[in-house]
């Protein structure tokens, strides 16, 4: 059993799952990686997520060191999100998970 802070994990992969669980976090990481890094762009791409939930998920990803938020002193204010170098390391894992998901969906549809 692994302990990080006050949280105990059964195995290290549980830490990964804890970070990416949440409404659309993996999709947000993919969107940011592909250059859709402004709040409004993400909101339009994910119409089923509320602004409050989108903001919360972005805050959590930032707190976990996966993304960074950059504010630009412009009028109107502009904020963009970017993957951190650490966040870049999680992207290949998510890409493989998505591939597996597509394969699984195709398999289920052919049954």
Protein backbone atom coordinates (compact mmCIF):
# COMPACT_ATOMS: atom_id res chain seq x y z
CA UNK A 1 0.00 0.00 0.00
CA UNK A 2 1.29 3.46 -0.95
CA UNK A 3 0.64 6.59 1.07
CA UNK A 4 0.82 10.08 -0.38
CA UNK A 5 -0.04 12.81 2.08
CA UNK A 6 -3.00 11.55 4.06
CA UNK A 7 -4.32 9.34 1.24
CA UNK A 8 -3.57 5.63 0.98
CA UNK A 9 -3.52 3.94 -2.43
CA UNK A 10 -3.70 0.20 -3.12
CA UNK A 11 -1.27 0.57 -6.02
CA UNK A 12 0.49 3.41 -7.88
CA UNK A 13 -1.97 3.27 -10.80
CA UNK A 14 -4.66 4.41 -8.36
CA UNK A 15 -2.80 7.73 -8.11
CA UNK A 16 -3.09 8.15 -11.89
CA UNK A 17 -6.78 7.30 -11.82
CA UNK A 18 -7.36 9.76 -8.97
CA UNK A 19 -5.83 12.57 -11.04
CA UNK A 20 -7.77 11.91 -14.24
CA UNK A 21 -11.12 11.01 -12.72
CA UNK A 22 -13.69 13.72 -13.00
CA UNK A 23 -15.97 15.16 -15.60
CA UNK A 24 -14.11 15.33 -18.92
CA UNK A 25 -10.57 15.66 -17.51
CA UNK A 26 -9.05 13.38 -20.12
CA UNK A 27 -10.93 15.24 -22.86
CA UNK A 28 -9.70 18.57 -21.47
CA UNK A 29 -6.11 17.32 -21.57
CA UNK A 30 -6.57 16.26 -25.21
CA UNK A 31 -8.20 19.59 -26.15
CA UNK A 32 -5.40 21.59 -24.53
CA UNK A 33 -2.78 19.41 -26.22
CA UNK A 34 -4.45 20.03 -29.59
CA UNK A 35 -4.45 23.81 -29.10
CA UNK A 36 -7.96 24.50 -27.84
CA UNK A 37 -6.66 26.19 -24.78
CA UNK A 38 -9.10 28.99 -24.03
CA UNK A 39 -12.00 28.54 -21.64
CA UNK A 40 -14.64 29.56 -24.20
CA UNK A 41 -13.30 27.16 -26.83
CA UNK A 42 -13.40 24.28 -24.37
CA UNK A 43 -16.89 25.26 -23.23
CA UNK A 44 -18.19 25.25 -26.83
CA UNK A 45 -16.53 21.90 -27.52
CA UNK A 46 -18.07 20.37 -24.38
CA UNK A 47 -21.63 21.76 -24.24
CA UNK A 48 -22.76 19.19 -21.65
CA UNK A 49 -20.39 20.50 -18.96
CA UNK A 50 -21.40 23.56 -16.95
CA UNK A 51 -19.08 26.55 -16.68
CA UNK A 52 -18.71 25.87 -12.96
CA UNK A 53 -17.73 22.23 -13.52
CA UNK A 54 -15.33 23.16 -16.34
CA UNK A 55 -13.68 25.72 -14.08
CA UNK A 56 -13.42 23.18 -11.24
CA UNK A 57 -11.85 20.52 -13.48
CA UNK A 58 -9.32 23.01 -14.87
CA UNK A 59 -8.47 24.15 -11.32
CA UNK A 60 -7.88 20.53 -10.24
CA UNK A 61 -5.67 19.81 -13.25
CA UNK A 62 -3.69 22.95 -12.48
CA UNK A 63 -3.37 22.00 -8.80
CA UNK A 64 -2.08 18.55 -9.82
CA UNK A 65 0.56 20.16 -12.04
CA UNK A 66 -0.90 18.80 -15.29
CA UNK A 67 -1.76 22.19 -16.81
CA UNK A 68 -0.76 25.79 -16.22
CA UNK A 69 -2.98 28.83 -16.53
CA UNK A 70 -1.60 31.94 -18.17
CA UNK A 71 -3.34 35.33 -17.95
CA UNK A 72 -2.62 38.04 -20.49
CA UNK A 73 -3.03 41.71 -19.49
CA UNK A 74 -5.41 42.61 -22.31
CA UNK A 75 -8.85 44.10 -22.63
CA UNK A 76 -10.90 41.99 -22.60
CA UNK A 77 -8.84 39.71 -20.36
CA UNK A 78 -7.47 36.58 -22.02
CA UNK A 79 -6.62 33.35 -20.20
CA UNK A 80 -5.08 30.31 -21.84
CA UNK A 81 -4.24 26.86 -20.54
CA UNK A 82 -1.20 24.80 -21.50
CA UNK A 83 0.08 21.35 -20.62
CA UNK A 84 3.07 21.50 -18.31
CA UNK A 85 6.10 19.33 -19.11
CA UNK A 86 4.70 16.98 -16.45
CA UNK A 87 1.29 17.08 -18.14
CA UNK A 88 2.91 16.15 -21.45
CA UNK A 89 3.95 12.85 -19.83
CA UNK A 90 0.33 11.90 -19.16
CA UNK A 91 -0.84 12.58 -22.73
CA UNK A 92 0.55 9.36 -24.32
CA UNK A 93 -1.19 7.31 -21.63
CA UNK A 94 -4.51 9.03 -22.33
CA UNK A 95 -4.01 8.58 -26.08
CA UNK A 96 -3.55 4.82 -25.58
CA UNK A 97 -6.59 4.67 -23.28
CA UNK A 98 -8.67 6.37 -25.98
CA UNK A 99 -7.44 3.89 -28.61
CA UNK A 100 -8.38 1.01 -26.34
CA UNK A 101 -11.79 2.59 -25.74
CA UNK A 102 -12.49 2.82 -29.47
CA UNK A 103 -11.43 -0.80 -29.98
CA UNK A 104 -13.63 -1.91 -27.09
CA UNK A 105 -16.64 0.01 -28.44
CA UNK A 106 -16.21 -1.54 -31.89
CA UNK A 107 -15.92 -4.99 -30.32
CA UNK A 108 -19.09 -4.45 -28.27
CA UNK A 109 -21.02 -3.22 -31.32
CA UNK A 110 -20.06 -6.30 -33.33
CA UNK A 111 -21.36 -8.70 -30.66
